[in-house]
Amino acid sequence: MIVVTGATGNVGRSLVRTLVAAGEQVTATSRGISDADVPQGALSQHADLTDTASLRPAFDGADALFLHSGGAQAHLLSPRDILDVAKAAGVVRVVLLSSQGVATRPESVSHGGTARAAEDALRQSGLAWTILRPAAFHSNAFAWAESVRSQRTVHAPFGDIGLPTVDPGDIAGVAAVALRRDEHAGRIYELTGPALTTPRQRARALGDALGEPVHFVEQTRDAARAQMLHFMPGPVVETTLAILGAPSPAEQRLSPDVEHVLGRPPRTFADWARHHSPAFR
């Protein structure tokens, strides 16, 4: 059996579907999950990564685990305790959703340090491991959904600076392979899309998917910072703006790892926009 943590998120939801379609037994976990959140053939189980006691029934009988990084709550997790529970339950293989920032922003606690601690705990656990370090997700564009629906407008800073954002479905595809095949143990995969795209280009792609123009409005750095502070701590905002406005060569590098694992090129942002266009209508 394979346990998927963060099963209601952009990566986890796709991963559960992929594994079920491949005929695997899957337990999908997250806080507040229900049977309606998972496809037929998967089990749903409430579990909170910040509460290791809640993980024991979810992990019981599993031999593989997809471990979500924890997102905004990553700093509250104890990766060693989570992995101890997994080992006691019989898990032998773990695929960790980490962050590109471990390599590109090691000085940042939010983007590199917390994920590095999880990676270190996994390497020292004695379990077979695979680490995924994705770039920013295509699905970050969901933050624009309301303004696109109501005004056909995208507001974002640094309109002409490109990043190699990646489809969460491709991350899930790589995770599904690594969870099921031995040869990916001990590997670190950097996951990016096939090309650099700018916020202006992504707005245009959303317009193409909708069949009508989406206007791009470039924010100043200060305006973007003020907006982000409503839902991010200050240090996270500063690092995020640094990546968006002055990415390092490593943050703009295109990785071959999605194609290496899946045998096909990663999906473009335009592919993602067409598939998710109903959310923007």
Protein backbone atom coordinates (compact mmCIF):
# COMPACT_ATOMS: atom_id res chain seq x y z
CA MET A 1 0.00 0.00 0.00
CA ILE A 2 1.09 3.57 -0.74
CA VAL A 3 0.23 6.46 1.57
CA VAL A 4 -0.05 9.93 0.02
CA THR A 5 0.16 12.85 2.45
CA GLY A 6 -1.15 16.23 1.33
CA ALA A 7 -3.64 14.33 -0.82
CA THR A 8 -5.97 17.29 -1.36
CA GLY A 9 -3.21 19.55 -2.72
CA ASN A 10 -2.21 20.23 -6.30
CA VAL A 11 0.39 17.45 -6.38
CA GLY A 12 -1.21 15.00 -3.97
CA ARG A 13 -4.62 14.97 -5.65
CA SER A 14 -3.06 14.19 -9.03
CA LEU A 15 -0.76 11.58 -7.49
CA VAL A 16 -3.66 9.70 -5.89
CA ARG A 17 -5.48 9.56 -9.24
CA THR A 18 -2.33 8.38 -11.03
CA LEU A 19 -1.62 5.60 -8.53
CA VAL A 20 -5.22 4.37 -8.46
CA ALA A 21 -5.28 4.28 -12.26
CA ALA A 22 -2.11 2.14 -12.12
CA GLY A 23 -3.90 -0.37 -9.88
CA GLU A 24 -2.15 0.52 -6.63
CA GLN A 25 -3.74 0.39 -3.18
CA VAL A 26 -3.69 3.98 -1.95
CA THR A 27 -4.49 5.69 1.33
CA ALA A 28 -4.97 9.42 0.80
CA THR A 29 -4.37 11.59 3.86
CA SER A 30 -4.68 15.21 4.85
CA ARG A 31 -6.37 17.29 7.51
CA GLY A 32 -10.12 17.31 6.95
CA ILE A 33 -10.06 14.86 4.04
CA SER A 34 -13.28 13.04 3.15
CA ASP A 35 -14.28 10.23 0.80
CA ALA A 36 -15.51 12.88 -1.65
CA ASP A 37 -11.94 14.12 -2.02
CA VAL A 38 -10.54 10.86 -3.43
CA PRO A 39 -11.31 8.76 -6.50
CA GLN A 40 -13.07 5.43 -6.25
CA GLY A 41 -10.57 2.77 -5.23
CA ALA A 42 -8.62 4.95 -2.77
CA LEU A 43 -9.10 5.12 0.98
CA SER A 44 -9.29 8.48 2.75
CA GLN A 45 -7.81 8.91 6.21
CA HIS A 46 -7.58 12.02 8.35
CA ALA A 47 -3.98 12.70 9.34
CA ASP A 48 -2.10 15.83 10.35
CA LEU A 49 1.66 15.91 9.77
CA THR A 50 2.04 18.17 12.79
CA ASP A 51 0.40 15.50 14.99
CA THR A 52 2.40 12.28 14.70
CA ALA A 53 -0.16 10.33 16.75
CA SER A 54 -2.68 10.89 13.94
CA LEU A 55 -0.26 9.35 11.43
CA ARG A 56 -0.06 5.89 12.99
CA PRO A 57 -3.41 4.52 11.75
CA ALA A 58 -2.87 6.13 8.33
CA PHE A 59 0.59 4.60 7.88
CA ASP A 60 -0.25 1.16 9.27
CA GLY A 61 0.43 -1.55 6.70
CA ALA A 62 1.98 0.78 4.13
CA ASP A 63 5.23 -0.01 2.35
CA ALA A 64 5.68 3.32 0.53
CA LEU A 65 5.04 6.94 1.50
CA PHE A 66 4.76 10.20 -0.39
CA LEU A 67 5.76 12.83 2.13
CA HIS A 68 4.51 16.33 1.46
CA SER A 69 6.82 19.14 2.51
CA GLY A 70 4.17 20.70 4.73
CA GLY A 71 3.78 23.92 2.77
CA ALA A 72 3.13 26.91 5.00
CA GLN A 73 3.28 24.63 8.06
CA ALA A 74 6.65 23.09 7.19
CA HIS A 75 8.35 24.81 10.13
CA LEU A 76 5.94 23.07 12.52
CA LEU A 77 6.81 19.54 11.36
CA SER A 78 9.23 17.10 12.95
CA PRO A 79 10.47 15.08 9.95
CA ARG A 80 12.39 12.63 12.16
CA ASP A 81 9.28 11.82 14.18
CA ILE A 82 7.19 11.39 11.03
CA LEU A 83 9.77 9.03 9.56
CA ASP A 84 10.00 7.07 12.82
CA VAL A 85 6.24 6.49 12.66
CA ALA A 86 6.56 5.44 9.03
CA LYS A 87 9.33 2.92 9.80
CA ALA A 88 7.37 1.45 12.70
CA ALA A 89 4.38 1.00 10.40
CA GLY A 90 6.44 -0.97 7.87
CA VAL A 91 7.24 1.72 5.30
CA VAL A 92 10.45 0.99 3.39
CA ARG A 93 10.36 3.66 0.65
CA VAL A 94 9.74 7.41 0.86
CA VAL A 95 9.41 10.01 -1.87
CA LEU A 96 9.83 13.50 -0.42
CA LEU A 97 8.39 16.62 -2.02
CA SER A 98 11.13 19.10 -1.22
CA SER A 99 12.03 22.43 -2.82
CA GLN A 100 14.35 23.80 -5.47
CA GLY A 101 15.34 26.34 -2.81
CA VAL A 102 17.43 23.72 -0.97
CA ALA A 103 20.02 24.18 -3.72
CA THR A 104 19.29 27.73 -4.89
CA ARG A 105 18.39 29.56 -1.65
CA PRO A 106 20.10 27.64 1.17
CA GLU A 107 20.39 30.82 3.24
CA SER A 108 16.59 31.22 3.30
CA VAL A 109 14.89 29.38 6.15
CA SER A 110 11.54 29.43 4.35
CA HIS A 111 12.72 28.40 0.88
CA GLY A 112 15.75 26.25 1.66
CA GLY A 113 16.49 25.62 5.31
CA THR A 114 13.28 23.89 6.37
CA ALA A 115 13.26 21.63 3.30
CA ARG A 116 16.94 20.83 3.84
CA ALA A 117 16.15 19.63 7.37
CA ALA A 118 13.51 17.26 5.98
CA GLU A 119 15.93 15.98 3.34
CA ASP A 120 18.64 15.38 5.94
CA ALA A 121 16.23 13.50 8.20
CA LEU A 122 15.18 11.29 5.30
CA ARG A 123 18.75 10.51 4.25
CA GLN A 124 19.58 9.52 7.81
CA SER A 125 16.43 7.43 8.33
CA GLY A 126 17.70 4.18 6.81
CA LEU A 127 14.72 4.14 4.42
CA ALA A 128 15.00 4.01 0.64
CA TRP A 129 14.45 7.57 -0.52
CA THR A 130 13.87 9.77 -3.55
CA ILE A 131 13.84 13.57 -3.28
CA LEU A 132 11.89 15.85 -5.63
CA ARG A 133 12.95 19.49 -5.89
CA PRO A 134 10.42 21.30 -8.08
CA ALA A 135 10.50 24.85 -9.36
CA ALA A 136 7.45 27.07 -8.85
CA PHE A 137 4.18 25.44 -9.90
CA HIS A 138 2.07 26.33 -12.93
CA SER A 139 -0.84 26.21 -10.49
CA ASN A 140 0.41 29.33 -8.67
CA ALA A 141 -1.63 31.05 -11.39
CA PHE A 142 -4.77 30.09 -9.46
CA ALA A 143 -3.97 33.21 -7.40
CA TRP A 144 -5.08 35.17 -10.46
CA ALA A 145 -8.37 33.31 -10.90
CA GLU A 146 -10.64 35.89 -9.27
CA SER A 147 -9.27 38.86 -11.22
CA VAL A 148 -9.33 36.90 -14.46
CA ARG A 149 -12.93 35.81 -13.90
CA SER A 150 -14.17 39.26 -12.90
CA GLN A 151 -11.98 41.61 -14.94
CA ARG A 152 -10.01 39.44 -17.41
CA THR A 153 -6.92 40.99 -15.81
CA VAL A 154 -3.73 39.67 -14.20
CA HIS A 155 -1.76 41.81 -11.75
CA ALA A 156 1.83 40.68 -11.08
CA PRO A 157 5.32 42.14 -10.67
CA PHE A 158 8.35 41.59 -12.92
CA GLY A 159 6.26 40.98 -16.00
CA ASP A 160 9.09 40.07 -18.35
CA ILE A 161 11.26 37.86 -16.13
CA GLY A 162 10.93 34.18 -16.93
CA LEU A 163 10.96 31.14 -14.66
CA PRO A 164 10.67 27.43 -15.59
CA THR A 165 7.43 26.72 -13.73
CA VAL A 166 6.31 23.09 -13.63
CA ASP A 167 2.97 21.30 -13.87
CA PRO A 168 2.00 19.70 -10.52
CA GLY A 169 0.71 16.79 -12.58
CA ASP A 170 4.23 16.17 -13.84
CA ILE A 171 5.56 16.23 -10.28
CA ALA A 172 2.90 13.68 -9.40
CA GLY A 173 3.87 11.56 -12.39
CA VAL A 174 7.51 11.46 -11.31
CA ALA A 175 6.48 10.68 -7.73
CA ALA A 176 4.27 7.81 -8.89
CA VAL A 177 7.15 6.22 -10.78
CA ALA A 178 9.59 6.67 -7.89
CA LEU A 179 7.13 5.17 -5.41
CA ARG A 180 6.77 2.02 -7.49
CA ARG A 181 10.24 1.35 -8.94
CA ASP A 182 13.47 0.54 -7.13
CA GLU A 183 15.88 2.22 -9.54
CA HIS A 184 14.90 5.72 -8.38
CA ALA A 185 16.10 5.17 -4.82
CA GLY A 186 18.87 7.53 -3.76
CA ARG A 187 18.10 10.02 -6.54
CA ILE A 188 17.39 13.76 -6.35
CA TYR A 189 15.26 15.07 -9.21
CA GLU A 190 15.01 18.76 -10.09
CA LEU A 191 11.65 19.26 -11.77
CA THR A 192 10.96 22.16 -14.11
CA GLY A 193 8.76 22.93 -17.06
CA PRO A 194 10.09 22.84 -20.63
CA ALA A 195 10.69 26.60 -21.01
CA LEU A 196 11.00 29.88 -19.18
CA THR A 197 7.73 31.79 -19.12
CA THR A 198 7.09 35.30 -17.86
CA PRO A 199 4.00 36.50 -16.00
CA ARG A 200 3.02 38.45 -19.12
CA GLN A 201 3.26 35.29 -21.23
CA ARG A 202 1.30 33.27 -18.70
CA ALA A 203 -1.49 35.86 -18.73
CA ARG A 204 -1.55 35.64 -22.53
CA ALA A 205 -1.74 31.83 -22.34
CA LEU A 206 -4.73 32.08 -20.00
CA GLY A 207 -6.40 34.38 -22.51
CA ASP A 208 -5.73 31.92 -25.33
CA ALA A 209 -7.23 29.11 -23.22
CA LEU A 210 -10.33 31.22 -22.53
CA GLY A 211 -10.69 32.44 -26.09
CA GLU A 212 -10.59 36.12 -25.12
CA PRO A 213 -7.82 38.52 -24.10
CA VAL A 214 -6.52 38.70 -20.54
CA HIS A 215 -4.92 42.07 -19.81
CA PHE A 216 -1.62 42.11 -17.93
CA VAL A 217 -0.95 44.89 -15.40
CA GLU A 218 2.58 45.04 -14.02
CA GLN A 219 2.73 45.76 -10.31
CA THR A 220 5.55 47.64 -8.66
CA ARG A 221 7.67 45.65 -6.25
CA ASP A 222 6.21 47.60 -3.34
CA ALA A 223 2.64 46.93 -4.44
CA ALA A 224 3.36 43.22 -4.82
CA ARG A 225 5.04 43.14 -1.42
CA ALA A 226 2.06 44.80 0.26
CA GLN A 227 -0.31 42.29 -1.32
CA MET A 228 1.83 39.27 -0.39
CA LEU A 229 2.12 40.39 3.23
CA HIS A 230 -1.58 39.65 3.63
CA PHE A 231 -0.89 35.91 3.40
CA MET A 232 2.90 35.41 3.79
CA PRO A 233 5.37 36.27 6.58
CA GLY A 234 7.77 39.10 5.76
CA PRO A 235 10.92 36.96 5.25
CA VAL A 236 9.03 34.63 2.89
CA VAL A 237 7.79 37.61 0.91
CA GLU A 238 11.29 39.05 0.54
CA THR A 239 12.76 35.79 -0.71
CA THR A 240 9.84 35.21 -3.06
CA LEU A 241 10.25 38.67 -4.56
CA ALA A 242 13.98 38.08 -4.95
CA ILE A 243 13.31 34.89 -6.91
CA LEU A 244 10.64 36.51 -9.08
CA GLY A 245 12.63 39.67 -9.74
CA ALA A 246 16.24 38.50 -9.82
CA PRO A 247 16.35 34.72 -10.27
CA SER A 248 19.75 33.06 -10.18
CA PRO A 249 21.00 31.06 -13.19
CA ALA A 250 20.16 27.88 -11.24
CA GLU A 251 16.56 29.09 -10.78
CA GLN A 252 16.23 29.63 -14.51
CA ARG A 253 17.90 26.38 -15.56
CA LEU A 254 15.77 23.84 -17.41
CA SER A 255 16.08 20.33 -16.01
CA PRO A 256 15.78 17.14 -18.10
CA ASP A 257 14.55 15.10 -15.13
CA VAL A 258 10.80 15.06 -15.89
CA GLU A 259 11.48 13.73 -19.39
CA HIS A 260 14.11 11.30 -18.07
CA VAL A 261 11.65 9.72 -15.64
CA LEU A 262 8.40 9.95 -17.63
CA GLY A 263 9.76 9.45 -21.15
CA ARG A 264 8.03 12.59 -22.45
CA PRO A 265 8.63 16.33 -22.22
CA PRO A 266 7.13 18.22 -19.29
CA ARG A 267 3.84 19.95 -19.97
CA THR A 268 3.88 23.64 -20.84
CA PHE A 269 2.05 26.36 -18.96
CA ALA A 270 -0.25 26.67 -21.97
CA ASP A 271 -1.14 22.97 -21.60
CA TRP A 272 -1.96 23.56 -17.94
CA ALA A 273 -4.02 26.67 -18.73
CA ARG A 274 -6.15 24.81 -21.28
CA HIS A 275 -6.80 21.96 -18.85
CA HIS A 276 -7.73 24.28 -15.98
CA SER A 277 -9.52 27.02 -17.94
CA PRO A 278 -12.89 26.38 -16.21
CA ALA A 279 -11.41 27.80 -12.99
CA PHE A 280 -10.82 31.12 -14.79
CA ARG A 281 -14.12 31.47 -16.66
